[in-house]
C-alpha atoms as a PDB file:
ATOM      1  CA  MET A   1       7.464   9.220  82.261  1.00  0.00           C
ATOM      2  CA  SER A   2       9.259   6.269  82.280  1.00  0.00           C
ATOM      3  CA  SER A   3      12.111   4.895  80.356  1.00  0.00           C
ATOM      4  CA  ILE A   4      10.036   2.801  78.685  1.00  0.00           C
ATOM      5  CA  ASP A   5       7.308   5.128  78.365  1.00  0.00           C
ATOM      6  CA  GLU A   6       9.892   7.470  76.097  1.00  0.00           C
ATOM      7  CA  ALA A   7      11.211   4.874  74.255  1.00  0.00           C
ATOM      8  CA  ILE A   8       7.365   3.434  73.224  1.00  0.00           C
ATOM      9  CA  GLU A   9       7.044   7.126  72.489  1.00  0.00           C
ATOM     10  CA  GLN A  10      10.002   7.238  70.186  1.00  0.00           C
ATOM     11  CA  LEU A  11       9.434   4.167  68.777  1.00  0.00           C
ATOM     12  CA  GLU A  12       5.643   5.827  67.450  1.00  0.00           C
ATOM     13  CA  LYS A  13       7.646   8.922  66.403  1.00  0.00           C
ATOM     14  CA  SER A  14       9.773   7.438  64.464  1.00  0.00           C
ATOM     15  CA  ALA A  15       6.961   4.978  63.353  1.00  0.00           C
ATOM     16  CA  GLU A  16       5.297   7.836  62.320  1.00  0.00           C
ATOM     17  CA  LYS A  17       8.555   9.460  60.161  1.00  0.00           C
ATOM     18  CA  LEU A  18       8.883   6.372  58.355  1.00  0.00           C
ATOM     19  CA  LYS A  19       5.213   5.994  57.426  1.00  0.00           C
ATOM     20  CA  LYS A  20       5.634   9.873  56.166  1.00  0.00           C
ATOM     21  CA  LEU A  21       8.941   8.785  54.856  1.00  0.00           C
ATOM     22  CA  SER A  22       7.176   5.878  52.607  1.00  0.00           C
ATOM     23  CA  VAL A  23       4.821   8.093  51.403  1.00  0.00           C
ATOM     24  CA  GLU A  24       6.841  10.914  50.442  1.00  0.00           C
ATOM     25  CA  GLU A  25       8.940   8.203  48.246  1.00  0.00           C
ATOM     26  CA  SER A  26       5.958   6.758  46.721  1.00  0.00           C
ATOM     27  CA  LYS A  27       4.852  10.361  45.374  1.00  0.00           C
ATOM     28  CA  ALA A  28       8.505  11.162  44.318  1.00  0.00           C
ATOM     29  CA  ILE A  29       8.784   7.709  42.499  1.00  0.00           C
ATOM     30  CA  SER A  30       5.285   8.402  40.489  1.00  0.00           C
ATOM     31  CA  LYS A  31       6.650  11.835  39.466  1.00  0.00           C
ATOM     32  CA  SER A  32       9.749  10.895  38.107  1.00  0.00           C
ATOM     33  CA  VAL A  33       7.702   8.086  36.453  1.00  0.00           C
ATOM     34  CA  ARG A  34       5.594  10.370  34.600  1.00  0.00           C
ATOM     35  CA  GLU A  35       8.509  12.672  34.099  1.00  0.00           C
ATOM     36  CA  ALA A  36      10.369   9.845  32.734  1.00  0.00           C
ATOM     37  CA  THR A  37       7.464   8.580  30.690  1.00  0.00           C
ATOM     38  CA  ARG A  38       6.991  11.979  28.988  1.00  0.00           C
ATOM     39  CA  GLU A  39      10.483  12.088  27.833  1.00  0.00           C
ATOM     40  CA  VAL A  40      10.703   8.848  26.959  1.00  0.00           C
ATOM     41  CA  LYS A  41       7.645   8.926  25.010  1.00  0.00           C
ATOM     42  CA  ALA A  42       8.603  11.983  23.225  1.00  0.00           C
ATOM     43  CA  GLU A  43      11.826  10.265  22.262  1.00  0.00           C
ATOM     44  CA  VAL A  44      10.297   6.938  21.382  1.00  0.00           C
ATOM     45  CA  LYS A  45       7.234   8.876  18.995  1.00  0.00           C
ATOM     46  CA  ALA A  46      10.105  11.166  17.556  1.00  0.00           C
ATOM     47  CA  GLU A  47      12.282   8.275  16.279  1.00  0.00           C
ATOM     48  CA  TYR A  48       8.837   5.987  14.992  1.00  0.00           C
ATOM     49  CA  ALA A  49       7.928   9.486  13.129  1.00  0.00           C
ATOM     50  CA  GLU A  50      11.681   9.069  11.466  1.00  0.00           C
ATOM     51  CA  ARG A  51      10.933   5.649  10.927  1.00  0.00           C
ATOM     52  CA  LYS A  52       7.477   6.262   8.755  1.00  0.00           C
ATOM     53  CA  LYS A  53       9.085   8.486   6.471  1.00  0.00           C
ATOM     54  CA  GLN A  54      11.748   6.884   5.838  1.00  0.00           C
ATOM     55  CA  ALA A  55       9.085   4.008   5.470  1.00  0.00           C
ATOM     56  CA  ARG A  56       6.746   6.613   2.785  1.00  0.00           C
ATOM     57  CA  ARG A  57      10.047   7.888   0.954  1.00  0.00           C
ATOM     58  CA  GLU A  58      10.797   3.695   0.194  1.00  0.00           C
ATOM     59  CA  ALA A  59       7.132   3.437  -1.029  1.00  0.00           C
ATOM     60  CA  LYS A  60       7.037   6.147  -3.241  1.00  0.00           C
ATOM     61  CA  GLU A  61      10.374   5.219  -4.562  1.00  0.00           C
ATOM     62  CA  ALA A  62       9.440   1.974  -4.912  1.00  0.00           C
ATOM     63  CA  GLU A  63       6.099   2.967  -7.123  1.00  0.00           C
ATOM     64  CA  LYS A  64       7.989   5.326  -8.950  1.00  0.00           C
ATOM     65  CA  ALA A  65      10.166   2.151 -10.159  1.00  0.00           C
ATOM     66  CA  ILE A  66       7.070  -0.172 -10.656  1.00  0.00           C
ATOM     67  CA  ARG A  67       5.676   2.223 -12.732  1.00  0.00           C
ATOM     68  CA  GLU A  68       8.824   2.375 -14.961  1.00  0.00           C
ATOM     69  CA  ALA A  69       9.539  -1.086 -15.044  1.00  0.00           C
ATOM     70  CA  ARG A  70       5.634  -1.281 -16.442  1.00  0.00           C
ATOM     71  CA  ASP A  71       6.419   1.372 -19.182  1.00  0.00           C
ATOM     72  CA  ARG A  72       9.413  -0.580 -20.190  1.00  0.00           C
ATOM     73  CA  ILE A  73       8.161  -3.714 -20.287  1.00  0.00           C
ATOM     74  CA  GLU A  74       4.892  -2.392 -22.334  1.00  0.00           C
ATOM     75  CA  LYS A  75       7.226  -0.697 -24.327  1.00  0.00           C
ATOM     76  CA  ALA A  76       9.342  -3.475 -25.349  1.00  0.00           C
ATOM     77  CA  LEU A  77       6.134  -5.372 -25.729  1.00  0.00           C
ATOM     78  CA  GLY A  78       4.825  -2.646 -28.174  1.00  0.00           C
ATOM     79  CA  GLY A  79       2.013  -2.239 -26.266  1.00  0.00           C
ATOM     80  CA  GLU A  80       1.947   1.737 -25.676  1.00  0.00           C
ATOM     81  CA  ARG A  81      -1.659   2.727 -24.299  1.00  0.00           C
ATOM     82  CA  ALA A  82      -3.046   4.741 -27.352  1.00  0.00           C
ATOM     83  CA  GLY A  83      -3.683   8.632 -26.525  1.00  0.00           C
ATOM     84  CA  SER A  84       0.037   8.097 -24.545  1.00  0.00           C
ATOM     85  CA  GLY A  85       1.950   9.331 -27.237  1.00  0.00           C
ATOM     86  CA  GLY A  86       2.345   6.196 -28.827  1.00  0.00           C
ATOM     87  CA  LYS A  87       2.097   6.060 -33.009  1.00  0.00           C
ATOM     88  CA  ARG A  88      -1.136   5.229 -34.750  1.00  0.00           C
ATOM     89  CA  ALA A  89      -1.266   1.600 -35.841  1.00  0.00           C
ATOM     90  CA  LYS A  90      -0.533   0.785 -39.493  1.00  0.00           C
ATOM     91  CA  LYS A  91      -4.008   0.108 -41.569  1.00  0.00           C
ATOM     92  CA  GLY A  92      -5.171  -3.612 -40.488  1.00  0.00           C
ATOM     93  CA  GLU A  93      -2.406  -3.747 -37.875  1.00  0.00           C
ATOM     94  CA  ARG A  94      -5.186  -3.830 -35.182  1.00  0.00           C
ATOM     95  CA  ASP A  95      -7.070  -6.160 -36.651  1.00  0.00           C
ATOM     96  CA  GLN A  96      -4.067  -8.273 -37.061  1.00  0.00           C
ATOM     97  CA  GLN A  97      -3.088  -7.991 -33.302  1.00  0.00           C
ATOM     98  CA  PHE A  98      -6.450  -8.876 -32.099  1.00  0.00           C
ATOM     99  CA  LEU A  99      -7.011 -11.926 -34.454  1.00  0.00           C
ATOM    100  CA  ASP A 100      -3.689 -13.164 -33.255  1.00  0.00           C
ATOM    101  CA  TYR A 101      -4.660 -12.058 -29.620  1.00  0.00           C
ATOM    102  CA  VAL A 102      -7.873 -14.233 -29.788  1.00  0.00           C
ATOM    103  CA  GLU A 103      -6.259 -17.212 -31.587  1.00  0.00           C
ATOM    104  CA  ARG A 104      -4.065 -17.516 -28.345  1.00  0.00           C
ATOM    105  CA  HIS A 105      -6.925 -16.928 -25.930  1.00  0.00           C
ATOM    106  CA  PRO A 106     -10.439 -18.393 -27.262  1.00  0.00           C
ATOM    107  CA  GLY A 107     -13.184 -17.262 -25.367  1.00  0.00           C
ATOM    108  CA  SER A 108     -11.082 -13.731 -24.107  1.00  0.00           C
ATOM    109  CA  ARG A 109     -13.649 -10.854 -23.038  1.00  0.00           C
ATOM    110  CA  LEU A 110     -13.345  -7.511 -24.640  1.00  0.00           C
ATOM    111  CA  VAL A 111     -11.238  -6.043 -22.040  1.00  0.00           C
ATOM    112  CA  ASP A 112      -8.563  -8.590 -21.519  1.00  0.00           C
ATOM    113  CA  ILE A 113      -8.315  -8.454 -25.674  1.00  0.00           C
ATOM    114  CA  ALA A 114      -7.852  -4.866 -25.242  1.00  0.00           C
ATOM    115  CA  ASN A 115      -5.241  -5.429 -22.282  1.00  0.00           C
ATOM    116  CA  GLY A 116      -3.441  -7.678 -24.395  1.00  0.00           C
ATOM    117  CA  ILE A 117      -2.546  -5.977 -27.368  1.00  0.00           C
ATOM    118  CA  GLY A 118      -1.854  -2.430 -25.686  1.00  0.00           C
ATOM    119  CA  ILE A 119      -5.208  -0.439 -26.745  1.00  0.00           C
ATOM    120  CA  LYS A 120      -8.046   1.090 -25.162  1.00  0.00           C
ATOM    121  CA  SER A 121     -11.675  -0.774 -24.522  1.00  0.00           C
ATOM    122  CA  GLN A 122     -12.964   1.575 -27.208  1.00  0.00           C
ATOM    123  CA  SER A 123     -10.872   0.889 -29.680  1.00  0.00           C
ATOM    124  CA  ALA A 124     -10.903  -2.796 -28.940  1.00  0.00           C
ATOM    125  CA  ASN A 125     -14.674  -2.728 -29.161  1.00  0.00           C
ATOM    126  CA  SER A 126     -13.960  -0.692 -33.172  1.00  0.00           C
ATOM    127  CA  VAL A 127     -11.819  -3.655 -34.121  1.00  0.00           C
ATOM    128  CA  ALA A 128     -14.196  -6.426 -32.479  1.00  0.00           C
ATOM    129  CA  LYS A 129     -17.649  -5.045 -34.365  1.00  0.00           C
ATOM    130  CA  ARG A 130     -15.537  -4.800 -37.741  1.00  0.00           C
ATOM    131  CA  LEU A 131     -14.114  -8.569 -37.428  1.00  0.00           C
ATOM    132  CA  VAL A 132     -17.211  -9.657 -36.474  1.00  0.00           C
ATOM    133  CA  GLU A 133     -19.102  -8.257 -39.188  1.00  0.00           C
ATOM    134  CA  GLN A 134     -16.593  -9.260 -41.722  1.00  0.00           C
ATOM    135  CA  GLY A 135     -16.960 -13.134 -39.771  1.00  0.00           C
ATOM    136  CA  LYS A 136     -13.633 -13.521 -38.876  1.00  0.00           C
ATOM    137  CA  VAL A 137     -14.615 -13.744 -34.998  1.00  0.00           C
ATOM    138  CA  ARG A 138     -17.573 -14.704 -33.214  1.00  0.00           C
ATOM    139  CA  LYS A 139     -18.998 -13.146 -29.983  1.00  0.00           C
ATOM    140  CA  SER A 140     -20.963 -15.539 -28.128  1.00  0.00           C
ATOM    141  CA  ALA A 141     -23.859 -14.924 -25.554  1.00  0.00           C
ATOM    142  CA  ASP A 142     -21.555 -13.776 -22.498  1.00  0.00           C
ATOM    143  CA  LYS A 143     -19.425 -11.522 -24.380  1.00  0.00           C
ATOM    144  CA  THR A 144     -16.395 -13.771 -24.996  1.00  0.00           C
ATOM    145  CA  TYR A 145     -14.658 -13.793 -28.744  1.00  0.00           C
ATOM    146  CA  THR A 146     -13.491 -16.796 -30.772  1.00  0.00           C
ATOM    147  CA  LEU A 147     -12.030 -17.647 -34.135  1.00  0.00           C
ATOM    148  CA  SER A 148     -14.510 -17.718 -36.458  1.00  0.00           C
END
């Protein structure tokens, strides 16, 4: 075999070896990326799980603060809900509250009046019936109330 043939044969072997090494390198890179991806994915999941847990705690604290603020506001306005441990209204007090509310907000619906004076809708309905019978308020066809 001539030196040129030997050189060509050596070149072909080297090219084949480079090709195999390139394939092995690609496989090694892919494997490394998969492993690194799993590790990073696990780290990211853990980090976000902790962030979500913290956000849930903050949301619960905010909800609690809102409930407490609402309770303080209702108490300050004297609008504790019936059945929630509040005192029973004095005779005629609810009637007057109803009349005052309707005077300030003519055309109000019963649910709005009840919320406005801090009583349940059932109680407001009883007050409304009494005041309509007494001729102090009018109930319209669309179920809103105005002073007579």
